[in-house]
Amino acid sequence: MAPFSDDANGEYIALSWQVPPQQAVQQQALQFLPRVAELAGGRLNNLLGQLHRDEVVQEQYHAFAATQMRHMEELRVSMKRSKRLANRSNAC
């Protein structure tokens, strides 16, 4: 029972629920939880996909850097060899 008005007539209005309010809230929450879980799962899947792409890019970067370093070393060795050959032919 709840007061119907503020005056002194003492009138009341009876309120009733088909199910207790706490149970109604729980039922509503249970209806929304699968959708929330679906959205969270979709977002998590997107984040995992981005993480995988980032890892692939990082691996490619490291492979590229290693290749560049190897090429620089090969070029350095080749230039030393060329200078030695040039010095030998100048000496003759």
PDB file of N, CA and C in Angstrom:
ATOM      1  N   MET A   1       0.841  -1.177   0.000  1.00  0.00           N
ATOM      2  CA  MET A   1       0.000   0.000   0.000  1.00  0.00           C
ATOM      3  C   MET A   1       0.889   1.243   0.000  1.00  0.00           C
ATOM      4  N   ALA A   2       0.410   2.266  -0.705  1.00  0.00           N
ATOM      5  CA  ALA A   2       1.161   3.517  -0.790  1.00  0.00           C
ATOM      6  C   ALA A   2       0.184   4.684  -0.714  1.00  0.00           C
ATOM      7  N   PRO A   3       0.614   5.803  -0.103  1.00  0.00           N
ATOM      8  CA  PRO A   3      -0.293   6.967  -0.027  1.00  0.00           C
ATOM      9  C   PRO A   3      -0.660   7.444  -1.427  1.00  0.00           C
ATOM     10  N   PHE A   4      -1.946   7.777  -1.618  1.00  0.00           N
ATOM     11  CA  PHE A   4      -2.443   8.238  -2.909  1.00  0.00           C
ATOM     12  C   PHE A   4      -2.319   9.746  -3.033  1.00  0.00           C
ATOM     13  N   SER A   5      -2.451  10.456  -1.946  1.00  0.00           N
ATOM     14  CA  SER A   5      -2.346  11.912  -1.967  1.00  0.00           C
ATOM     15  C   SER A   5      -1.748  12.393  -0.649  1.00  0.00           C
ATOM     16  N   ASP A   6      -1.378  13.672  -0.631  1.00  0.00           N
ATOM     17  CA  ASP A   6      -0.775  14.237   0.564  1.00  0.00           C
ATOM     18  C   ASP A   6      -1.816  14.777   1.538  1.00  0.00           C
ATOM     19  N   ASP A   7      -3.063  14.844   1.132  1.00  0.00           N
ATOM     20  CA  ASP A   7      -4.043  15.427   2.046  1.00  0.00           C
ATOM     21  C   ASP A   7      -4.383  14.443   3.167  1.00  0.00           C
ATOM     22  N   ALA A   8      -5.157  14.876   4.105  1.00  0.00           N
ATOM     23  CA  ALA A   8      -5.420  14.087   5.305  1.00  0.00           C
ATOM     24  C   ALA A   8      -6.578  13.115   5.131  1.00  0.00           C
ATOM     25  N   ASN A   9      -7.043  12.889   3.895  1.00  0.00           N
ATOM     26  CA  ASN A   9      -8.186  11.992   3.698  1.00  0.00           C
ATOM     27  C   ASN A   9      -7.831  10.540   3.987  1.00  0.00           C
ATOM     28  N   GLY A  10      -6.553  10.242   3.960  1.00  0.00           N
ATOM     29  CA  GLY A  10      -6.136   8.876   4.242  1.00  0.00           C
ATOM     30  C   GLY A  10      -6.411   7.931   3.096  1.00  0.00           C
ATOM     31  N   GLU A  11      -6.425   8.445   1.890  1.00  0.00           N
ATOM     32  CA  GLU A  11      -6.671   7.585   0.737  1.00  0.00           C
ATOM     33  C   GLU A  11      -5.383   6.861   0.348  1.00  0.00           C
ATOM     34  N   TYR A  12      -5.533   5.651  -0.031  1.00  0.00           N
ATOM     35  CA  TYR A  12      -4.385   4.832  -0.433  1.00  0.00           C
ATOM     36  C   TYR A  12      -4.683   4.147  -1.745  1.00  0.00           C
ATOM     37  N   ILE A  13      -3.635   3.825  -2.439  1.00  0.00           N
ATOM     38  CA  ILE A  13      -3.769   3.046  -3.674  1.00  0.00           C
ATOM     39  C   ILE A  13      -2.991   1.748  -3.472  1.00  0.00           C
ATOM     40  N   ALA A  14      -3.578   0.667  -3.879  1.00  0.00           N
ATOM     41  CA  ALA A  14      -2.912  -0.626  -3.726  1.00  0.00           C
ATOM     42  C   ALA A  14      -2.100  -0.911  -4.987  1.00  0.00           C
ATOM     43  N   LEU A  15      -0.876  -1.293  -4.781  1.00  0.00           N
ATOM     44  CA  LEU A  15       0.013  -1.650  -5.890  1.00  0.00           C
ATOM     45  C   LEU A  15       0.304  -3.136  -5.812  1.00  0.00           C
ATOM     46  N   SER A  16       0.320  -3.767  -6.977  1.00  0.00           N
ATOM     47  CA  SER A  16       0.676  -5.186  -6.982  1.00  0.00           C
ATOM     48  C   SER A  16       1.473  -5.488  -8.242  1.00  0.00           C
ATOM     49  N   TRP A  17       2.279  -6.502  -8.155  1.00  0.00           N
ATOM     50  CA  TRP A  17       3.093  -6.937  -9.286  1.00  0.00           C
ATOM     51  C   TRP A  17       2.780  -8.391  -9.573  1.00  0.00           C
ATOM     52  N   GLN A  18       2.942  -8.759 -10.837  1.00  0.00           N
ATOM     53  CA  GLN A  18       2.737 -10.163 -11.181  1.00  0.00           C
ATOM     54  C   GLN A  18       3.856 -11.017 -10.590  1.00  0.00           C
ATOM     55  N   VAL A  19       5.036 -10.441 -10.550  1.00  0.00           N
ATOM     56  CA  VAL A  19       6.183 -11.085  -9.910  1.00  0.00           C
ATOM     57  C   VAL A  19       6.824 -10.039  -9.002  1.00  0.00           C
ATOM     58  N   PRO A  20       7.525 -10.464  -7.967  1.00  0.00           N
ATOM     59  CA  PRO A  20       8.193  -9.482  -7.104  1.00  0.00           C
ATOM     60  C   PRO A  20       9.161  -8.623  -7.921  1.00  0.00           C
ATOM     61  N   PRO A  21       9.322  -7.330  -7.574  1.00  0.00           N
ATOM     62  CA  PRO A  21      10.205  -6.430  -8.341  1.00  0.00           C
ATOM     63  C   PRO A  21      11.621  -6.978  -8.512  1.00  0.00           C
ATOM     64  N   GLN A  22      12.185  -7.562  -7.477  1.00  0.00           N
ATOM     65  CA  GLN A  22      13.549  -8.084  -7.576  1.00  0.00           C
ATOM     66  C   GLN A  22      13.613  -9.190  -8.633  1.00  0.00           C
ATOM     67  N   GLN A  23      12.599 -10.038  -8.654  1.00  0.00           N
ATOM     68  CA  GLN A  23      12.568 -11.114  -9.645  1.00  0.00           C
ATOM     69  C   GLN A  23      12.382 -10.541 -11.056  1.00  0.00           C
ATOM     70  N   ALA A  24      11.581  -9.499 -11.183  1.00  0.00           N
ATOM     71  CA  ALA A  24      11.370  -8.866 -12.489  1.00  0.00           C
ATOM     72  C   ALA A  24      12.679  -8.280 -13.013  1.00  0.00           C
ATOM     73  N   VAL A  25      13.435  -7.635 -12.124  1.00  0.00           N
ATOM     74  CA  VAL A  25      14.726  -7.065 -12.519  1.00  0.00           C
ATOM     75  C   VAL A  25      15.669  -8.174 -12.961  1.00  0.00           C
ATOM     76  N   GLN A  26      15.700  -9.261 -12.211  1.00  0.00           N
ATOM     77  CA  GLN A  26      16.567 -10.379 -12.574  1.00  0.00           C
ATOM     78  C   GLN A  26      16.174 -10.969 -13.925  1.00  0.00           C
ATOM     79  N   GLN A  27      14.873 -11.090 -14.168  1.00  0.00           N
ATOM     80  CA  GLN A  27      14.414 -11.640 -15.444  1.00  0.00           C
ATOM     81  C   GLN A  27      14.824 -10.734 -16.604  1.00  0.00           C
ATOM     82  N   GLN A  28      14.676  -9.433 -16.418  1.00  0.00           N
ATOM     83  CA  GLN A  28      15.081  -8.488 -17.469  1.00  0.00           C
ATOM     84  C   GLN A  28      16.576  -8.562 -17.721  1.00  0.00           C
ATOM     85  N   ALA A  29      17.339  -8.642 -16.639  1.00  0.00           N
ATOM     86  CA  ALA A  29      18.798  -8.723 -16.786  1.00  0.00           C
ATOM     87  C   ALA A  29      19.178  -9.992 -17.526  1.00  0.00           C
ATOM     88  N   LEU A  30      18.535 -11.097 -17.221  1.00  0.00           N
ATOM     89  CA  LEU A  30      18.835 -12.362 -17.889  1.00  0.00           C
ATOM     90  C   LEU A  30      18.503 -12.295 -19.381  1.00  0.00           C
ATOM     91  N   GLN A  31      17.524 -11.493 -19.749  1.00  0.00           N
ATOM     92  CA  GLN A  31      17.194 -11.338 -21.172  1.00  0.00           C
ATOM     93  C   GLN A  31      18.276 -10.549 -21.903  1.00  0.00           C
ATOM     94  N   PHE A  32      18.910  -9.599 -21.215  1.00  0.00           N
ATOM     95  CA  PHE A  32      19.932  -8.768 -21.849  1.00  0.00           C
ATOM     96  C   PHE A  32      21.315  -9.402 -21.849  1.00  0.00           C
ATOM     97  N   LEU A  33      21.588 -10.266 -20.894  1.00  0.00           N
ATOM     98  CA  LEU A  33      22.936 -10.831 -20.758  1.00  0.00           C
ATOM     99  C   LEU A  33      23.438 -11.544 -22.009  1.00  0.00           C
ATOM    100  N   PRO A  34      22.632 -12.355 -22.683  1.00  0.00           N
ATOM    101  CA  PRO A  34      23.159 -13.000 -23.901  1.00  0.00           C
ATOM    102  C   PRO A  34      23.588 -11.987 -24.956  1.00  0.00           C
ATOM    103  N   ARG A  35      22.844 -10.910 -25.119  1.00  0.00           N
ATOM    104  CA  ARG A  35      23.209  -9.886 -26.109  1.00  0.00           C
ATOM    105  C   ARG A  35      24.496  -9.175 -25.696  1.00  0.00           C
ATOM    106  N   VAL A  36      24.616  -8.850 -24.406  1.00  0.00           N
ATOM    107  CA  VAL A  36      25.834  -8.209 -23.912  1.00  0.00           C
ATOM    108  C   VAL A  36      27.025  -9.137 -24.122  1.00  0.00           C
ATOM    109  N   ALA A  37      26.843 -10.423 -23.824  1.00  0.00           N
ATOM    110  CA  ALA A  37      27.923 -11.390 -24.021  1.00  0.00           C
ATOM    111  C   ALA A  37      28.290 -11.502 -25.497  1.00  0.00           C
ATOM    112  N   GLU A  38      27.297 -11.467 -26.367  1.00  0.00           N
ATOM    113  CA  GLU A  38      27.556 -11.532 -27.809  1.00  0.00           C
ATOM    114  C   GLU A  38      28.364 -10.321 -28.283  1.00  0.00           C
ATOM    115  N   LEU A  39      27.974  -9.145 -27.816  1.00  0.00           N
ATOM    116  CA  LEU A  39      28.705  -7.930 -28.189  1.00  0.00           C
ATOM    117  C   LEU A  39      30.130  -7.951 -27.636  1.00  0.00           C
ATOM    118  N   ALA A  40      30.274  -8.386 -26.395  1.00  0.00           N
ATOM    119  CA  ALA A  40      31.609  -8.458 -25.787  1.00  0.00           C
ATOM    120  C   ALA A  40      32.471  -9.474 -26.530  1.00  0.00           C
ATOM    121  N   GLY A  41      31.875 -10.599 -26.904  1.00  0.00           N
ATOM    122  CA  GLY A  41      32.615 -11.609 -27.657  1.00  0.00           C
ATOM    123  C   GLY A  41      33.051 -11.097 -29.010  1.00  0.00           C
ATOM    124  N   GLY A  42      32.177 -10.360 -29.676  1.00  0.00           N
ATOM    125  CA  GLY A  42      32.535  -9.773 -30.971  1.00  0.00           C
ATOM    126  C   GLY A  42      33.678  -8.788 -30.838  1.00  0.00           C
ATOM    127  N   ARG A  43      33.634  -7.965 -29.820  1.00  0.00           N
ATOM    128  CA  ARG A  43      34.702  -6.982 -29.596  1.00  0.00           C
ATOM    129  C   ARG A  43      36.013  -7.684 -29.263  1.00  0.00           C
ATOM    130  N   LEU A  44      35.939  -8.707 -28.419  1.00  0.00           N
ATOM    131  CA  LEU A  44      37.138  -9.461 -28.070  1.00  0.00           C
ATOM    132  C   LEU A  44      37.732 -10.116 -29.308  1.00  0.00           C
ATOM    133  N   ASN A  45      36.878 -10.651 -30.169  1.00  0.00           N
ATOM    134  CA  ASN A  45      37.346 -11.263 -31.408  1.00  0.00           C
ATOM    135  C   ASN A  45      38.060 -10.235 -32.289  1.00  0.00           C
ATOM    136  N   ASN A  46      37.500  -9.030 -32.366  1.00  0.00           N
ATOM    137  CA  ASN A  46      38.145  -7.961 -33.135  1.00  0.00           C
ATOM    138  C   ASN A  46      39.510  -7.608 -32.553  1.00  0.00           C
ATOM    139  N   LEU A  47      39.574  -7.511 -31.233  1.00  0.00           N
ATOM    140  CA  LEU A  47      40.844  -7.171 -30.579  1.00  0.00           C
ATOM    141  C   LEU A  47      41.889  -8.260 -30.799  1.00  0.00           C
ATOM    142  N   LEU A  48      41.469  -9.521 -30.726  1.00  0.00           N
ATOM    143  CA  LEU A  48      42.410 -10.622 -30.962  1.00  0.00           C
ATOM    144  C   LEU A  48      42.893 -10.616 -32.409  1.00  0.00           C
ATOM    145  N   GLY A  49      42.000 -10.300 -33.339  1.00  0.00           N
ATOM    146  CA  GLY A  49      42.397 -10.201 -34.741  1.00  0.00           C
ATOM    147  C   GLY A  49      43.419  -9.094 -34.949  1.00  0.00           C
ATOM    148  N   GLN A  50      43.192  -7.941 -34.317  1.00  0.00           N
ATOM    149  CA  GLN A  50      44.133  -6.832 -34.432  1.00  0.00           C
ATOM    150  C   GLN A  50      45.477  -7.195 -33.812  1.00  0.00           C
ATOM    151  N   LEU A  51      45.444  -7.880 -32.677  1.00  0.00           N
ATOM    152  CA  LEU A  51      46.682  -8.314 -32.025  1.00  0.00           C
ATOM    153  C   LEU A  51      47.462  -9.243 -32.951  1.00  0.00           C
ATOM    154  N   HIS A  52      46.768 -10.162 -33.605  1.00  0.00           N
ATOM    155  CA  HIS A  52      47.432 -11.080 -34.530  1.00  0.00           C
ATOM    156  C   HIS A  52      48.058 -10.314 -35.696  1.00  0.00           C
ATOM    157  N   ARG A  53      47.312  -9.361 -36.247  1.00  0.00           N
ATOM    158  CA  ARG A  53      47.851  -8.559 -37.365  1.00  0.00           C
ATOM    159  C   ARG A  53      49.075  -7.762 -36.923  1.00  0.00           C
ATOM    160  N   ASP A  54      49.022  -7.204 -35.709  1.00  0.00           N
ATOM    161  CA  ASP A  54      50.168  -6.460 -35.180  1.00  0.00           C
ATOM    162  C   ASP A  54      51.390  -7.368 -35.020  1.00  0.00           C
ATOM    163  N   GLU A  55      51.150  -8.591 -34.551  1.00  0.00           N
ATOM    164  CA  GLU A  55      52.261  -9.538 -34.397  1.00  0.00           C
ATOM    165  C   GLU A  55      52.864  -9.906 -35.747  1.00  0.00           C
ATOM    166  N   VAL A  56      52.027 -10.089 -36.758  1.00  0.00           N
ATOM    167  CA  VAL A  56      52.518 -10.422 -38.104  1.00  0.00           C
ATOM    168  C   VAL A  56      53.359  -9.267 -38.647  1.00  0.00           C
ATOM    169  N   VAL A  57      52.866  -8.051 -38.477  1.00  0.00           N
ATOM    170  CA  VAL A  57      53.607  -6.883 -38.954  1.00  0.00           C
ATOM    171  C   VAL A  57      54.949  -6.779 -38.227  1.00  0.00           C
ATOM    172  N   GLN A  58      54.956  -7.031 -36.931  1.00  0.00           N
ATOM    173  CA  GLN A  58      56.208  -6.962 -36.175  1.00  0.00           C
ATOM    174  C   GLN A  58      57.193  -8.028 -36.653  1.00  0.00           C
ATOM    175  N   GLU A  59      56.699  -9.239 -36.905  1.00  0.00           N
ATOM    176  CA  GLU A  59      57.569 -10.297 -37.424  1.00  0.00           C
ATOM    177  C   GLU A  59      58.142  -9.909 -38.787  1.00  0.00           C
ATOM    178  N   GLN A  60      57.295  -9.330 -39.638  1.00  0.00           N
ATOM    179  CA  GLN A  60      57.763  -8.900 -40.960  1.00  0.00           C
ATOM    180  C   GLN A  60      58.805  -7.797 -40.835  1.00  0.00           C
ATOM    181  N   TYR A  61      58.601  -6.881 -39.905  1.00  0.00           N
ATOM    182  CA  TYR A  61      59.561  -5.801 -39.686  1.00  0.00           C
ATOM    183  C   TYR A  61      60.912  -6.373 -39.253  1.00  0.00           C
ATOM    184  N   HIS A  62      60.877  -7.312 -38.310  1.00  0.00           N
ATOM    185  CA  HIS A  62      62.136  -7.903 -37.833  1.00  0.00           C
ATOM    186  C   HIS A  62      62.835  -8.676 -38.948  1.00  0.00           C
ATOM    187  N   ALA A  63      62.059  -9.392 -39.753  1.00  0.00           N
ATOM    188  CA  ALA A  63      62.647 -10.130 -40.872  1.00  0.00           C
ATOM    189  C   ALA A  63      63.265  -9.156 -41.877  1.00  0.00           C
ATOM    190  N   PHE A  64      62.570  -8.065 -42.160  1.00  0.00           N
ATOM    191  CA  PHE A  64      63.086  -7.053 -43.087  1.00  0.00           C
ATOM    192  C   PHE A  64      64.370  -6.430 -42.545  1.00  0.00           C
ATOM    193  N   ALA A  65      64.361  -6.094 -41.242  1.00  0.00           N
ATOM    194  CA  ALA A  65      65.549  -5.493 -40.628  1.00  0.00           C
ATOM    195  C   ALA A  65      66.730  -6.461 -40.680  1.00  0.00           C
ATOM    196  N   ALA A  66      66.484  -7.746 -40.412  1.00  0.00           N
ATOM    197  CA  ALA A  66      67.562  -8.733 -40.465  1.00  0.00           C
ATOM    198  C   ALA A  66      68.107  -8.857 -41.885  1.00  0.00           C
ATOM    199  N   THR A  67      67.229  -8.843 -42.859  1.00  0.00           N
ATOM    200  CA  THR A  67      67.657  -8.923 -44.267  1.00  0.00           C
ATOM    201  C   THR A  67      68.489  -7.703 -44.647  1.00  0.00           C
ATOM    202  N   GLN A  68      68.057  -6.539 -44.222  1.00  0.00           N
ATOM    203  CA  GLN A  68      68.797  -5.310 -44.520  1.00  0.00           C
ATOM    204  C   GLN A  68      70.190  -5.346 -43.885  1.00  0.00           C
ATOM    205  N   MET A  69      70.262  -5.815 -42.651  1.00  0.00           N
ATOM    206  CA  MET A  69      71.554  -5.904 -41.971  1.00  0.00           C
ATOM    207  C   MET A  69      72.475  -6.883 -42.713  1.00  0.00           C
ATOM    208  N   ARG A  70      71.916  -8.013 -43.138  1.00  0.00           N
ATOM    209  CA  ARG A  70      72.713  -8.996 -43.864  1.00  0.00           C
ATOM    210  C   ARG A  70      73.213  -8.412 -45.188  1.00  0.00           C
ATOM    211  N   HIS A  71      72.347  -7.696 -45.890  1.00  0.00           N
ATOM    212  CA  HIS A  71      72.752  -7.077 -47.155  1.00  0.00           C
ATOM    213  C   HIS A  71      73.831  -6.025 -46.943  1.00  0.00           C
ATOM    214  N   MET A  72      73.692  -5.251 -45.859  1.00  0.00           N
ATOM    215  CA  MET A  72      74.717  -4.242 -45.572  1.00  0.00           C
ATOM    216  C   MET A  72      76.062  -4.903 -45.291  1.00  0.00           C
ATOM    217  N   GLU A  73      76.048  -6.012 -44.532  1.00  0.00           N
ATOM    218  CA  GLU A  73      77.286  -6.717 -44.237  1.00  0.00           C
ATOM    219  C   GLU A  73      77.890  -7.301 -45.517  1.00  0.00           C
ATOM    220  N   GLU A  74      77.060  -7.877 -46.368  1.00  0.00           N
ATOM    221  CA  GLU A  74      77.549  -8.423 -47.634  1.00  0.00           C
ATOM    222  C   GLU A  74      78.151  -7.326 -48.504  1.00  0.00           C
ATOM    223  N   LEU A  75      77.519  -6.175 -48.524  1.00  0.00           N
ATOM    224  CA  LEU A  75      78.031  -5.050 -49.299  1.00  0.00           C
ATOM    225  C   LEU A  75      79.363  -4.565 -48.732  1.00  0.00           C
ATOM    226  N   ARG A  76      79.467  -4.495 -47.409  1.00  0.00           N
ATOM    227  CA  ARG A  76      80.707  -4.068 -46.767  1.00  0.00           C
ATOM    228  C   ARG A  76      81.852  -5.031 -47.117  1.00  0.00           C
ATOM    229  N   VAL A  77      81.577  -6.332 -47.028  1.00  0.00           N
ATOM    230  CA  VAL A  77      82.589  -7.332 -47.362  1.00  0.00           C
ATOM    231  C   VAL A  77      82.963  -7.235 -48.832  1.00  0.00           C
ATOM    232  N   SER A  78      81.974  -7.051 -49.676  1.00  0.00           N
ATOM    233  CA  SER A  78      82.222  -6.941 -51.117  1.00  0.00           C
ATOM    234  C   SER A  78      83.072  -5.707 -51.436  1.00  0.00           C
ATOM    235  N   MET A  79      82.796  -4.595 -50.764  1.00  0.00           N
ATOM    236  CA  MET A  79      83.572  -3.382 -51.009  1.00  0.00           C
ATOM    237  C   MET A  79      85.015  -3.561 -50.548  1.00  0.00           C
ATOM    238  N   LYS A  80      85.230  -4.229 -49.422  1.00  0.00           N
ATOM    239  CA  LYS A  80      86.597  -4.501 -48.957  1.00  0.00           C
ATOM    240  C   LYS A  80      87.340  -5.355 -49.978  1.00  0.00           C
ATOM    241  N   ARG A  81      86.647  -6.378 -50.483  1.00  0.00           N
ATOM    242  CA  ARG A  81      87.257  -7.269 -51.462  1.00  0.00           C
ATOM    243  C   ARG A  81      87.624  -6.494 -52.733  1.00  0.00           C
ATOM    244  N   SER A  82      86.713  -5.622 -53.163  1.00  0.00           N
ATOM    245  CA  SER A  82      86.966  -4.821 -54.371  1.00  0.00           C
ATOM    246  C   SER A  82      88.162  -3.892 -54.175  1.00  0.00           C
ATOM    247  N   LYS A  83      88.276  -3.298 -52.991  1.00  0.00           N
ATOM    248  CA  LYS A  83      89.407  -2.404 -52.720  1.00  0.00           C
ATOM    249  C   LYS A  83      90.715  -3.181 -52.719  1.00  0.00           C
ATOM    250  N   ARG A  84      90.705  -4.388 -52.127  1.00  0.00           N
ATOM    251  CA  ARG A  84      91.921  -5.205 -52.120  1.00  0.00           C
ATOM    252  C   ARG A  84      92.334  -5.573 -53.543  1.00  0.00           C
ATOM    253  N   LEU A  85      91.364  -5.942 -54.359  1.00  0.00           N
ATOM    254  CA  LEU A  85      91.670  -6.293 -55.747  1.00  0.00           C
ATOM    255  C   LEU A  85      92.197  -5.075 -56.522  1.00  0.00           C
ATOM    256  N   ALA A  86      91.609  -3.911 -56.255  1.00  0.00           N
ATOM    257  CA  ALA A  86      92.047  -2.682 -56.924  1.00  0.00           C
ATOM    258  C   ALA A  86      93.474  -2.332 -56.485  1.00  0.00           C
ATOM    259  N   ASN A  87      93.774  -2.494 -55.194  1.00  0.00           N
ATOM    260  CA  ASN A  87      95.115  -2.227 -54.688  1.00  0.00           C
ATOM    261  C   ASN A  87      96.127  -3.189 -55.302  1.00  0.00           C
ATOM    262  N   ARG A  88      95.751  -4.450 -55.473  1.00  0.00           N
ATOM    263  CA  ARG A  88      96.656  -5.434 -56.061  1.00  0.00           C
ATOM    264  C   ARG A  88      96.933  -5.090 -57.524  1.00  0.00           C
ATOM    265  N   SER A  89      95.879  -4.711 -58.237  1.00  0.00           N
ATOM    266  CA  SER A  89      96.107  -4.415 -59.672  1.00  0.00           C
ATOM    267  C   SER A  89      96.890  -3.114 -59.839  1.00  0.00           C
ATOM    268  N   ASN A  90      96.760  -2.170 -58.927  1.00  0.00           N
ATOM    269  CA  ASN A  90      97.539  -0.932 -58.985  1.00  0.00           C
ATOM    270  C   ASN A  90      98.994  -1.203 -58.638  1.00  0.00           C
ATOM    271  N   ALA A  91      99.223  -2.181 -57.770  1.00  0.00           N
ATOM    272  CA  ALA A  91     100.565  -2.499 -57.349  1.00  0.00           C
ATOM    273  C   ALA A  91     101.359  -3.194 -58.463  1.00  0.00           C
ATOM    274  N   CYS A  92     100.667  -3.863 -59.344  1.00  0.00           N
ATOM    275  CA  CYS A  92     101.358  -4.606 -60.403  1.00  0.00           C
ATOM    276  C   CYS A  92     101.764  -3.735 -61.512  1.00  0.00           C
TER     277      CYS A  92
END
